[in-house]
Amino acid sequence: MKNRFYPLDIFRGITVAFMILVNNPGSWSYIYAPLGHATWHGCTPTDLVFPFFLFAVGNSLSFVIPRLQAQGSGVFWQKTTRRTLLIFLVGLLLNWFPFIRYSADGLLEAKPWSSLRIMGVLQRIALCYFFASVMIYYLKAKGAFWCSLVLLAGYWLLCLALGWPDPFSLQGWFGTGIDKWLLGEQHMYKGEGVAFDPEGIASTIPAIAQVVAGYLTGNYIIQHMTSATGIPSGLRRLLLAAGACILAGWVWGQFFPINKKIWTSSYVLFSSGLAIALLVVITYITEIKHTKGWGKFFDVFGKNPLFIFVLSGVVARLYGLFRIKDMENGVAVYKGLGKWSYDHFFAPAFGNMNGSLLYAVFHVLVFFAIAWWLDKKRIYIRL
């Protein structure tokens, strides 16, 4: 089989493109409901982006692990540890970037380490990649599957045993106490108005299973869908697996609510099922119906997924550094480049809601152009 499976590149690309779309609205005050996260329990399309990314990481492992097993444990530990540390470090630096900020007086000052958030999206990817790789390398597919079930069940029991009074609430979830102890409150995310990290230590435990789910799916594709004759029957089995995961996640969600912010086990099953279902649809369209042209747009995103994601974060942070003087109700204010462009072009031309959406679409197209150029030049940047 080829080293790449075209539907997996499209799947990764859709995930990255949608991630850029939802992370870059013109205004956070004007976003359509599907492009926002669930307030707490529940799941919107946006809540599927991160688990789909972790699922895609697992897909990639299905191609990487066999090569590492052939090279021996020494090479495995060297490459896996190095990549884990690199991804984690890039995530940490992205949180810190651009290393300076404007003070209350409007003067530039260094961003202090004392308030730097330790965890984040890339940091969770790094940890999940590491532990899932170790599980898969030593336990093989079947062992990693059973170990993942233990992680999901164990996390549920930890929530019940250590959470109080409502173990699945913002105030009662046990993981915040662990994050405060290990990371320190000053190094945690405070987007909920209090110190609470949606990519914290405890909720990373079930997220590991998301990577394993992606690996198992990719491994199944390699083992059973290497020919045109094997694809139809393989898709039927994957569709059954998707339905089983979605149903199991929904049923479990009646007792352990589907929730991205504390990454519940029911959420892992539910989102993994939807990821498999999307992959089935993509594979059916491209490999059975042989309609591949539409996928070219997403394919280039899938060739450099982590790099494009990091670059989009860098650009968004640079916008805040370049400020433009503007007038609001006769008062002079300074706005970041992104806010200024939304207020002066997108909102006046298209309205608040549509302007905010088109601002995000514009950024998707910008990063598509970059991804397309990198692919044309055969430049593939691996983190």
Protein backbone atom coordinates (compact mmCIF):
# COMPACT_ATOMS: atom_id res chain seq x y z
CA MET A 1 0.00 0.00 0.00
CA LYS A 2 1.11 3.58 -0.61
CA ASN A 3 2.63 5.42 2.30
CA ARG A 4 -0.29 7.86 2.18
CA PHE A 5 -4.01 7.18 2.00
CA TYR A 6 -5.70 10.03 0.15
CA PRO A 7 -8.92 10.09 2.25
CA LEU A 8 -6.82 10.45 5.43
CA ASP A 9 -5.09 13.52 3.99
CA ILE A 10 -8.50 14.99 3.15
CA PHE A 11 -9.77 14.16 6.65
CA ARG A 12 -6.78 15.92 8.23
CA GLY A 13 -7.20 18.84 5.86
CA ILE A 14 -10.90 19.30 6.66
CA THR A 15 -10.02 19.29 10.35
CA VAL A 16 -7.27 21.92 9.99
CA ALA A 17 -9.35 24.14 7.69
CA PHE A 18 -12.32 24.03 10.07
CA MET A 19 -10.00 24.70 13.01
CA ILE A 20 -8.76 27.88 11.32
CA LEU A 21 -12.36 28.86 10.52
CA VAL A 22 -13.62 28.59 14.09
CA ASN A 23 -10.49 30.11 15.68
CA ASN A 24 -10.52 33.29 13.58
CA PRO A 25 -13.92 35.02 13.60
CA GLY A 26 -14.01 38.72 12.93
CA SER A 27 -15.63 39.18 16.33
CA TRP A 28 -16.26 36.66 19.10
CA SER A 29 -19.48 38.56 19.78
CA TYR A 30 -20.83 37.59 16.35
CA ILE A 31 -20.52 33.89 15.56
CA TYR A 32 -23.12 31.44 14.30
CA ALA A 33 -24.06 28.79 16.88
CA PRO A 34 -22.42 25.81 15.06
CA LEU A 35 -19.13 27.74 15.04
CA GLY A 36 -19.09 28.15 18.80
CA HIS A 37 -18.37 25.64 21.57
CA ALA A 38 -21.09 24.19 23.77
CA THR A 39 -21.42 26.25 26.95
CA TRP A 40 -20.75 23.14 29.06
CA HIS A 41 -22.46 19.81 28.38
CA GLY A 42 -23.29 19.02 24.76
CA CYS A 43 -21.48 18.97 21.45
CA THR A 44 -21.45 21.39 18.53
CA PRO A 45 -19.60 20.91 15.21
CA THR A 46 -16.82 23.10 16.64
CA ASP A 47 -16.43 20.71 19.58
CA LEU A 48 -15.46 18.00 17.08
CA VAL A 49 -12.41 19.81 15.69
CA PHE A 50 -9.88 18.96 18.40
CA PRO A 51 -10.88 15.29 18.84
CA PHE A 52 -10.81 14.88 15.06
CA PHE A 53 -7.26 16.27 15.09
CA LEU A 54 -6.21 13.74 17.74
CA PHE A 55 -7.94 11.01 15.72
CA ALA A 56 -5.89 12.11 12.70
CA VAL A 57 -2.70 11.87 14.78
CA GLY A 58 -3.64 8.24 15.45
CA ASN A 59 -4.25 7.67 11.74
CA SER A 60 -0.69 8.81 11.06
CA LEU A 61 0.66 6.44 13.73
CA SER A 62 -0.75 3.49 11.80
CA PHE A 63 1.85 4.24 9.12
CA VAL A 64 4.67 5.28 11.47
CA ILE A 65 4.61 2.57 14.17
CA PRO A 66 5.40 -0.38 11.83
CA ARG A 67 8.55 1.42 10.65
CA LEU A 68 9.59 2.16 14.22
CA GLN A 69 8.98 -1.45 15.25
CA ALA A 70 11.25 -2.55 12.43
CA GLN A 71 13.98 -0.16 13.62
CA GLY A 72 13.92 -1.28 17.24
CA SER A 73 13.01 0.18 20.63
CA GLY A 74 16.06 2.47 20.79
CA VAL A 75 15.02 4.33 17.65
CA PHE A 76 11.38 4.32 18.81
CA TRP A 77 12.18 6.02 22.11
CA GLN A 78 14.57 8.50 20.51
CA LYS A 79 12.16 9.63 17.78
CA THR A 80 9.01 9.55 19.89
CA THR A 81 10.54 11.45 22.80
CA ARG A 82 12.12 14.04 20.53
CA ARG A 83 8.87 14.68 18.64
CA THR A 84 6.88 14.86 21.89
CA LEU A 85 9.23 17.44 23.39
CA LEU A 86 9.31 19.46 20.16
CA ILE A 87 5.51 19.65 19.84
CA PHE A 88 5.13 20.50 23.54
CA LEU A 89 7.82 23.20 23.33
CA VAL A 90 6.26 24.76 20.21
CA GLY A 91 2.91 24.84 22.02
CA LEU A 92 4.49 26.52 25.04
CA LEU A 93 6.24 29.11 22.87
CA LEU A 94 3.00 29.73 20.97
CA ASN A 95 1.28 30.52 24.28
CA TRP A 96 4.08 32.96 25.06
CA PHE A 97 4.32 34.49 21.57
CA PRO A 98 4.96 37.28 20.63
CA PHE A 99 6.79 37.51 23.98
CA ILE A 100 5.80 41.15 24.43
CA ARG A 101 2.47 42.87 25.13
CA TYR A 102 0.96 46.27 25.67
CA SER A 103 0.73 47.43 29.28
CA ALA A 104 -2.26 49.35 30.69
CA ASP A 105 -0.36 52.53 29.79
CA GLY A 106 -0.05 51.45 26.15
CA LEU A 107 3.66 50.69 26.38
CA LEU A 108 5.30 47.50 25.21
CA GLU A 109 6.56 45.22 27.95
CA ALA A 110 7.83 41.64 28.17
CA LYS A 111 5.21 38.94 28.75
CA PRO A 112 6.20 37.42 32.10
CA TRP A 113 6.82 33.72 32.63
CA SER A 114 4.91 33.99 35.88
CA SER A 115 1.57 34.14 34.04
CA LEU A 116 2.37 31.87 31.08
CA ARG A 117 -0.19 29.15 30.45
CA ILE A 118 1.59 25.78 30.49
CA MET A 119 -0.96 23.56 28.76
CA GLY A 120 -2.73 24.04 25.43
CA VAL A 121 -3.78 22.31 22.22
CA LEU A 122 -0.29 21.36 21.03
CA GLN A 123 0.76 20.32 24.52
CA ARG A 124 -2.18 17.92 24.71
CA ILE A 125 -1.39 16.59 21.24
CA ALA A 126 2.21 15.98 22.36
CA LEU A 127 1.22 14.07 25.51
CA CYS A 128 -1.49 12.03 23.79
CA TYR A 129 0.88 11.21 20.93
CA PHE A 130 3.55 10.03 23.37
CA PHE A 131 1.42 7.79 25.58
CA ALA A 132 -0.61 6.39 22.68
CA SER A 133 2.62 5.57 20.81
CA VAL A 134 4.04 3.73 23.81
CA MET A 135 0.81 1.77 24.28
CA ILE A 136 0.62 0.81 20.61
CA TYR A 137 4.32 -0.04 20.30
CA TYR A 138 4.40 -2.41 23.26
CA LEU A 139 0.80 -3.65 23.51
CA LYS A 140 0.01 -3.85 19.78
CA ALA A 141 -3.47 -3.06 18.45
CA LYS A 142 -5.50 -5.39 20.68
CA GLY A 143 -3.65 -4.44 23.86
CA ALA A 144 -3.93 -0.71 23.07
CA PHE A 145 -7.69 -1.16 22.51
CA TRP A 146 -8.24 -2.77 25.91
CA CYS A 147 -5.93 -0.31 27.65
CA SER A 148 -7.94 2.55 26.14
CA LEU A 149 -11.15 1.12 27.53
CA VAL A 150 -9.48 0.97 30.95
CA LEU A 151 -8.48 4.64 30.62
CA LEU A 152 -12.02 5.66 29.69
CA ALA A 153 -13.64 3.66 32.47
CA GLY A 154 -10.98 4.68 34.98
CA TYR A 155 -11.44 8.37 34.19
CA TRP A 156 -15.20 8.03 34.78
CA LEU A 157 -14.57 6.41 38.16
CA LEU A 158 -12.07 9.11 39.11
CA CYS A 159 -14.62 11.79 38.28
CA LEU A 160 -17.23 10.05 40.44
CA ALA A 161 -14.87 9.32 43.33
CA LEU A 162 -13.01 12.64 43.50
CA GLY A 163 -15.57 15.13 42.20
CA TRP A 164 -17.94 16.99 44.52
CA PRO A 165 -20.76 17.95 44.79
CA ASP A 166 -21.54 17.60 41.07
CA PRO A 167 -18.55 15.70 39.67
CA PHE A 168 -19.28 16.86 36.11
CA SER A 169 -19.64 20.59 36.84
CA LEU A 170 -17.10 23.37 36.50
CA GLN A 171 -16.90 23.71 40.27
CA GLY A 172 -17.06 20.00 41.14
CA TRP A 173 -14.76 18.42 38.55
CA PHE A 174 -11.69 16.93 40.24
CA GLY A 175 -9.17 17.80 37.52
CA THR A 176 -8.94 21.48 38.38
CA GLY A 177 -7.46 20.66 41.78
CA ILE A 178 -4.79 18.51 40.13
CA ASP A 179 -3.94 21.27 37.65
CA LYS A 180 -3.65 23.85 40.43
CA TRP A 181 -1.33 21.53 42.33
CA LEU A 182 0.89 20.54 39.40
CA LEU A 183 0.79 23.66 37.22
CA GLY A 184 -0.12 26.47 39.59
CA GLU A 185 -3.19 28.64 39.21
CA GLN A 186 -1.20 31.41 37.56
CA HIS A 187 -0.23 29.05 34.72
CA MET A 188 -3.77 27.92 33.93
CA TYR A 189 -6.39 29.06 31.42
CA LYS A 190 -9.01 31.45 32.83
CA GLY A 191 -11.46 31.71 29.95
CA GLU A 192 -14.32 30.48 32.15
CA GLY A 193 -13.76 33.35 34.59
CA VAL A 194 -11.88 31.11 37.03
CA ALA A 195 -8.72 29.02 36.87
CA PHE A 196 -9.84 26.04 34.76
CA ASP A 197 -7.84 24.42 31.98
CA PRO A 198 -9.77 22.57 29.25
CA GLU A 199 -6.46 21.02 28.15
CA GLY A 200 -5.34 20.16 31.66
CA ILE A 201 -3.58 17.11 33.07
CA ALA A 202 -6.50 14.93 34.18
CA SER A 203 -8.63 15.40 31.06
CA THR A 204 -5.66 14.37 28.92
CA ILE A 205 -6.11 10.79 30.20
CA PRO A 206 -9.23 9.97 28.13
CA ALA A 207 -7.91 11.99 25.18
CA ILE A 208 -5.15 9.39 24.77
CA ALA A 209 -7.86 6.93 23.77
CA GLN A 210 -8.85 9.29 20.94
CA VAL A 211 -5.43 8.82 19.35
CA VAL A 212 -5.67 5.06 19.78
CA ALA A 213 -9.08 5.10 18.06
CA GLY A 214 -7.50 6.88 15.11
CA TYR A 215 -4.67 4.35 15.03
CA LEU A 216 -7.04 1.38 15.11
CA THR A 217 -9.03 2.86 12.24
CA GLY A 218 -5.92 3.59 10.19
CA ASN A 219 -4.52 0.14 10.95
CA TYR A 220 -7.78 -1.45 9.81
CA ILE A 221 -7.61 0.51 6.55
CA ILE A 222 -4.06 -0.69 5.93
CA GLN A 223 -4.90 -4.31 6.75
CA HIS A 224 -8.23 -4.65 4.97
CA MET A 225 -8.66 -1.87 2.41
CA THR A 226 -5.55 -2.17 0.28
CA SER A 227 -7.46 -3.02 -2.90
CA ALA A 228 -10.56 -1.77 -4.69
CA THR A 229 -12.36 -5.02 -3.91
CA GLY A 230 -11.63 -4.69 -0.21
CA ILE A 231 -12.84 -1.12 0.17
CA PRO A 232 -16.63 -1.69 -0.01
CA SER A 233 -16.70 -4.42 2.66
CA GLY A 234 -14.20 -2.45 4.74
CA LEU A 235 -16.39 0.64 4.60
CA ARG A 236 -19.41 -1.32 5.76
CA ARG A 237 -17.50 -2.59 8.81
CA LEU A 238 -16.16 0.87 9.59
CA LEU A 239 -19.66 2.30 9.32
CA LEU A 240 -20.89 -0.29 11.82
CA ALA A 241 -18.02 0.62 14.13
CA ALA A 242 -18.91 4.30 13.77
CA GLY A 243 -22.53 3.63 14.64
CA ALA A 244 -21.54 1.51 17.64
CA CYS A 245 -19.24 4.26 18.99
CA ILE A 246 -21.82 7.00 18.47
CA LEU A 247 -24.53 4.95 20.16
CA ALA A 248 -22.26 3.89 23.04
CA GLY A 249 -21.16 7.49 23.55
CA TRP A 250 -24.75 8.74 23.56
CA VAL A 251 -25.91 6.06 26.00
CA TRP A 252 -22.93 6.60 28.31
CA GLY A 253 -23.62 10.32 28.01
CA GLN A 254 -26.85 9.84 29.95
CA PHE A 255 -24.69 9.01 32.99
CA PHE A 256 -21.40 10.71 32.10
CA PRO A 257 -22.43 13.78 30.04
CA ILE A 258 -20.81 14.45 26.68
CA ASN A 259 -18.52 17.37 27.46
CA LYS A 260 -15.45 18.65 25.61
CA LYS A 261 -14.19 20.93 28.36
CA ILE A 262 -13.58 18.05 30.77
CA TRP A 263 -13.14 15.61 27.84
CA THR A 264 -15.53 12.98 29.16
CA SER A 265 -15.25 9.35 28.10
CA SER A 266 -18.68 9.51 26.45
CA TYR A 267 -17.38 12.46 24.42
CA VAL A 268 -14.40 10.37 23.27
CA LEU A 269 -16.64 7.56 22.00
CA PHE A 270 -19.19 9.91 20.45
CA SER A 271 -16.63 12.08 18.61
CA SER A 272 -14.54 9.07 17.53
CA GLY A 273 -17.65 7.52 16.01
CA LEU A 274 -18.36 10.70 14.07
CA ALA A 275 -14.72 10.84 12.94
CA ILE A 276 -14.94 7.29 11.59
CA ALA A 277 -18.24 8.11 9.87
CA LEU A 278 -16.73 11.18 8.18
CA LEU A 279 -13.76 9.12 7.04
CA VAL A 280 -16.16 6.51 5.59
CA VAL A 281 -18.00 9.22 3.64
CA ILE A 282 -14.75 10.68 2.29
CA THR A 283 -13.45 7.25 1.30
CA TYR A 284 -16.74 6.35 -0.39
CA ILE A 285 -16.73 9.55 -2.44
CA THR A 286 -13.07 9.38 -3.45
CA GLU A 287 -12.42 5.63 -3.76
CA ILE A 288 -15.81 4.20 -4.77
CA LYS A 289 -17.31 7.08 -6.72
CA HIS A 290 -13.84 8.21 -7.88
CA THR A 291 -14.71 11.87 -7.30
CA LYS A 292 -11.44 13.27 -6.03
CA GLY A 293 -11.16 16.78 -7.42
CA TRP A 294 -13.08 18.40 -4.56
CA GLY A 295 -10.59 17.00 -2.07
CA LYS A 296 -7.62 18.90 -3.50
CA PHE A 297 -8.56 21.97 -1.47
CA PHE A 298 -8.35 20.05 1.81
CA ASP A 299 -5.55 17.72 0.75
CA VAL A 300 -2.92 20.46 0.89
CA PHE A 301 -3.94 21.35 4.46
CA GLY A 302 -3.49 17.68 5.36
CA LYS A 303 0.09 17.62 4.07
CA ASN A 304 1.35 20.19 6.62
CA PRO A 305 -1.34 20.10 9.33
CA LEU A 306 0.61 21.02 12.48
CA PHE A 307 2.70 23.67 10.73
CA ILE A 308 -0.37 25.39 9.24
CA PHE A 309 -2.12 25.29 12.61
CA VAL A 310 0.89 26.86 14.37
CA LEU A 311 1.27 29.48 11.63
CA SER A 312 -2.39 30.47 11.97
CA GLY A 313 -1.84 30.95 15.71
CA VAL A 314 1.27 33.06 15.11
CA VAL A 315 -0.56 35.34 12.66
CA ALA A 316 -3.53 35.79 14.99
CA ARG A 317 -1.21 36.83 17.83
CA LEU A 318 0.73 39.23 15.62
CA TYR A 319 -2.48 41.06 14.78
CA GLY A 320 -2.74 42.22 18.37
CA LEU A 321 0.80 43.55 18.31
CA PHE A 322 0.23 45.86 15.34
CA ARG A 323 -2.25 48.47 16.56
CA ILE A 324 -4.00 51.18 14.55
CA LYS A 325 -5.49 54.37 15.96
CA ASP A 326 -9.25 54.56 15.42
CA MET A 327 -12.19 56.65 16.58
CA GLU A 328 -15.20 55.25 18.44
CA ASN A 329 -17.95 57.66 19.46
CA GLY A 330 -15.49 60.52 19.22
CA VAL A 331 -12.92 58.78 21.41
CA ALA A 332 -9.51 57.70 20.13
CA VAL A 333 -8.81 53.97 20.66
CA TYR A 334 -6.12 51.61 19.46
CA LYS A 335 -7.19 48.41 17.75
CA GLY A 336 -5.24 45.37 16.67
CA LEU A 337 -4.88 44.88 12.92
CA GLY A 338 -7.48 42.09 12.85
CA LYS A 339 -10.10 44.01 14.83
CA TRP A 340 -9.51 47.14 12.74
CA SER A 341 -9.92 45.29 9.42
CA TYR A 342 -13.14 43.66 10.64
CA ASP A 343 -14.59 46.96 11.86
CA HIS A 344 -13.62 48.89 8.71
CA PHE A 345 -14.22 46.37 5.94
CA PHE A 346 -15.92 43.08 6.78
CA ALA A 347 -18.66 44.34 9.13
CA PRO A 348 -19.62 47.44 7.07
CA ALA A 349 -19.65 45.43 3.83
CA PHE A 350 -21.40 42.25 4.98
CA GLY A 351 -22.96 42.95 8.38
CA ASN A 352 -21.77 41.80 11.79
CA MET A 353 -22.60 38.07 11.58
CA ASN A 354 -21.76 37.47 7.92
CA GLY A 355 -18.77 39.80 8.14
CA SER A 356 -17.40 37.85 11.09
CA LEU A 357 -17.84 34.59 9.17
CA LEU A 358 -16.28 35.94 5.97
CA TYR A 359 -13.34 37.30 7.96
CA ALA A 360 -12.71 33.71 9.09
CA VAL A 361 -13.24 32.34 5.55
CA PHE A 362 -10.72 34.87 4.25
CA HIS A 363 -8.12 33.49 6.66
CA VAL A 364 -8.88 29.92 5.59
CA LEU A 365 -8.18 30.97 1.99
CA VAL A 366 -4.95 32.73 2.98
CA PHE A 367 -3.63 29.64 4.72
CA PHE A 368 -4.85 27.46 1.85
CA ALA A 369 -2.64 29.53 -0.47
CA ILE A 370 0.33 28.96 1.85
CA ALA A 371 -0.41 25.23 2.14
CA TRP A 372 -0.84 24.95 -1.64
CA TRP A 373 2.51 26.66 -2.26
CA LEU A 374 4.29 24.39 0.23
CA ASP A 375 2.78 21.32 -1.42
CA LYS A 376 3.70 22.57 -4.89
CA LYS A 377 7.30 23.02 -3.75
CA ARG A 378 7.13 19.62 -1.97
CA ILE A 379 7.97 21.27 1.34
CA TYR A 380 6.56 19.23 4.21
CA ILE A 381 7.36 20.57 7.66
CA ARG A 382 7.13 17.97 10.42
CA LEU A 383 6.94 18.87 14.08
